[in-house]
Structures are given as structure tokens and as C-alpha cells.
Amino acid sequence: MNKPNFFDDLQAKINQAIENSPAKDIEKNVKAMLGQGFSKLDLVTRDEFDVQAQVLANTREKLEALEARVTELEAQLKRP
């Protein structure tokens, strides 16, 4: 008996059993129920979060550059 084929066959049979069982319907129903529950919450996707984190990082860099420029200009005004 070829071991890789045995495991492939076993996995195929398990997948077929799951597809034909009520467990698949339960999984679909749970996913739908969770999706519906999450949609009621004020959540953002990971992609949206990552975009906003990058926007915040860029804004922070610009703010630091502007603060340094203001400090430099204030120093120039204080010189005679």
C-alpha cells in the first residue's frame, strides 16, 4: 500500500463525509450568523485599519517635520 495515496484517499473520504453531513450546513449557518452579528458592530476590516495606520504614520511624520520647521523659524526670529 502506498502511504501517500492512503492519506490522500483518507483525506478525500473525510472531506466527502463533511460535505455530505449536517456539519457543513452548521458551518454555513454559523458563518452567516457571525457575519450578521459583526455587521451590527462598528468594526473595520484589516485592510481599512492598515490604510488608516499608514495615513496616521504619514501625518505624524509631516507634523514632526512642521514642528522642526517652526522651531527653526522661531530661532531665526529671535536672532538680532
C-alpha atoms as a PDB file:
ATOM      1  CA  MET A   1       0.000   0.000   0.000  1.00  0.00           C
ATOM      2  CA  ASN A   2       1.355   3.379  -0.992  1.00  0.00           C
ATOM      3  CA  LYS A   3       1.289   5.642   2.078  1.00  0.00           C
ATOM      4  CA  PRO A   4       0.784   8.987   0.308  1.00  0.00           C
ATOM      5  CA  ASN A   5      -2.169   7.543  -1.621  1.00  0.00           C
ATOM      6  CA  PHE A   6      -3.610   6.147   1.598  1.00  0.00           C
ATOM      7  CA  PHE A   7      -3.546   9.577   3.241  1.00  0.00           C
ATOM      8  CA  ASP A   8      -4.890  11.282   0.120  1.00  0.00           C
ATOM      9  CA  ASP A   9      -7.732   8.771  -0.036  1.00  0.00           C
ATOM     10  CA  LEU A  10      -8.424   9.164   3.671  1.00  0.00           C
ATOM     11  CA  GLN A  11      -8.485  12.941   3.377  1.00  0.00           C
ATOM     12  CA  ALA A  12     -10.785  12.751   0.343  1.00  0.00           C
ATOM     13  CA  LYS A  13     -13.175  10.469   2.228  1.00  0.00           C
ATOM     14  CA  ILE A  14     -13.185  12.756   5.261  1.00  0.00           C
ATOM     15  CA  ASN A  15     -13.831  15.797   3.070  1.00  0.00           C
ATOM     16  CA  GLN A  16     -16.664  13.946   1.308  1.00  0.00           C
ATOM     17  CA  ALA A  17     -18.173  12.928   4.631  1.00  0.00           C
ATOM     18  CA  ILE A  18     -18.058  16.516   5.861  1.00  0.00           C
ATOM     19  CA  GLU A  19     -19.569  17.823   2.619  1.00  0.00           C
ATOM     20  CA  ASN A  20     -22.445  15.362   2.925  1.00  0.00           C
ATOM     21  CA  SER A  21     -23.021  15.857   6.631  1.00  0.00           C
ATOM     22  CA  PRO A  22     -25.092  18.397   8.537  1.00  0.00           C
ATOM     23  CA  ALA A  23     -21.802  19.811   9.820  1.00  0.00           C
ATOM     24  CA  LYS A  24     -21.370  21.714   6.540  1.00  0.00           C
ATOM     25  CA  ASP A  25     -24.805  23.309   6.959  1.00  0.00           C
ATOM     26  CA  ILE A  26     -23.997  24.157  10.555  1.00  0.00           C
ATOM     27  CA  GLU A  27     -20.728  25.757   9.464  1.00  0.00           C
ATOM     28  CA  LYS A  28     -22.537  27.866   6.835  1.00  0.00           C
ATOM     29  CA  ASN A  29     -25.193  28.900   9.338  1.00  0.00           C
ATOM     30  CA  VAL A  30     -22.635  29.828  11.999  1.00  0.00           C
ATOM     31  CA  LYS A  31     -20.620  31.867   9.475  1.00  0.00           C
ATOM     32  CA  ALA A  32     -23.771  33.661   8.348  1.00  0.00           C
ATOM     33  CA  MET A  33     -24.834  34.312  11.938  1.00  0.00           C
ATOM     34  CA  LEU A  34     -21.378  35.628  12.886  1.00  0.00           C
ATOM     35  CA  GLY A  35     -21.248  37.786   9.769  1.00  0.00           C
ATOM     36  CA  GLN A  36     -24.628  39.241  10.622  1.00  0.00           C
ATOM     37  CA  GLY A  37     -23.562  39.867  14.219  1.00  0.00           C
ATOM     38  CA  PHE A  38     -20.309  41.514  13.172  1.00  0.00           C
ATOM     39  CA  SER A  39     -22.111  43.720  10.657  1.00  0.00           C
ATOM     40  CA  LYS A  40     -24.130  45.198  13.553  1.00  0.00           C
ATOM     41  CA  LEU A  41     -20.914  46.175  15.313  1.00  0.00           C
ATOM     42  CA  ASP A  42     -18.951  49.209  14.245  1.00  0.00           C
ATOM     43  CA  LEU A  43     -15.899  47.278  13.033  1.00  0.00           C
ATOM     44  CA  VAL A  44     -13.388  47.943  10.276  1.00  0.00           C
ATOM     45  CA  THR A  45     -11.639  45.445   8.075  1.00  0.00           C
ATOM     46  CA  ARG A  46      -7.948  44.728   8.485  1.00  0.00           C
ATOM     47  CA  ASP A  47      -7.271  46.455   5.160  1.00  0.00           C
ATOM     48  CA  GLU A  48      -9.089  49.608   6.289  1.00  0.00           C
ATOM     49  CA  PHE A  49      -7.180  49.536   9.579  1.00  0.00           C
ATOM     50  CA  ASP A  50      -3.836  49.154   7.795  1.00  0.00           C
ATOM     51  CA  VAL A  51      -4.630  52.048   5.452  1.00  0.00           C
ATOM     52  CA  GLN A  52      -5.575  54.310   8.359  1.00  0.00           C
ATOM     53  CA  ALA A  53      -2.469  53.273  10.309  1.00  0.00           C
ATOM     54  CA  GLN A  54      -0.344  54.287   7.301  1.00  0.00           C
ATOM     55  CA  VAL A  55      -2.204  57.601   6.983  1.00  0.00           C
ATOM     56  CA  LEU A  56      -1.576  58.241  10.675  1.00  0.00           C
ATOM     57  CA  ALA A  57       2.136  57.415  10.320  1.00  0.00           C
ATOM     58  CA  ASN A  58       2.444  59.784   7.341  1.00  0.00           C
ATOM     59  CA  THR A  59       0.604  62.528   9.217  1.00  0.00           C
ATOM     60  CA  ARG A  60       2.852  62.052  12.234  1.00  0.00           C
ATOM     61  CA  GLU A  61       5.959  62.405  10.020  1.00  0.00           C
ATOM     62  CA  LYS A  62       4.606  65.613   8.472  1.00  0.00           C
ATOM     63  CA  LEU A  63       3.724  67.005  11.906  1.00  0.00           C
ATOM     64  CA  GLU A  64       7.219  66.312  13.216  1.00  0.00           C
ATOM     65  CA  ALA A  65       8.735  67.999  10.141  1.00  0.00           C
ATOM     66  CA  LEU A  66       6.470  71.029  10.618  1.00  0.00           C
ATOM     67  CA  GLU A  67       7.315  71.232  14.330  1.00  0.00           C
ATOM     68  CA  ALA A  68      11.020  71.207  13.469  1.00  0.00           C
ATOM     69  CA  ARG A  69      10.470  73.925  10.843  1.00  0.00           C
ATOM     70  CA  VAL A  70       8.503  76.110  13.300  1.00  0.00           C
ATOM     71  CA  THR A  71      11.269  75.710  15.885  1.00  0.00           C
ATOM     72  CA  GLU A  72      13.821  76.709  13.246  1.00  0.00           C
ATOM     73  CA  LEU A  73      11.813  79.774  12.181  1.00  0.00           C
ATOM     74  CA  GLU A  74      11.278  80.836  15.800  1.00  0.00           C
ATOM     75  CA  ALA A  75      15.011  80.604  16.369  1.00  0.00           C
ATOM     76  CA  GLN A  76      15.627  82.800  13.315  1.00  0.00           C
ATOM     77  CA  LEU A  77      13.173  85.432  14.621  1.00  0.00           C
ATOM     78  CA  LYS A  78      14.958  85.619  17.968  1.00  0.00           C
ATOM     79  CA  ARG A  79      18.341  86.372  16.368  1.00  0.00           C
ATOM     80  CA  PRO A  80      19.270  90.048  16.028  1.00  0.00           C
END
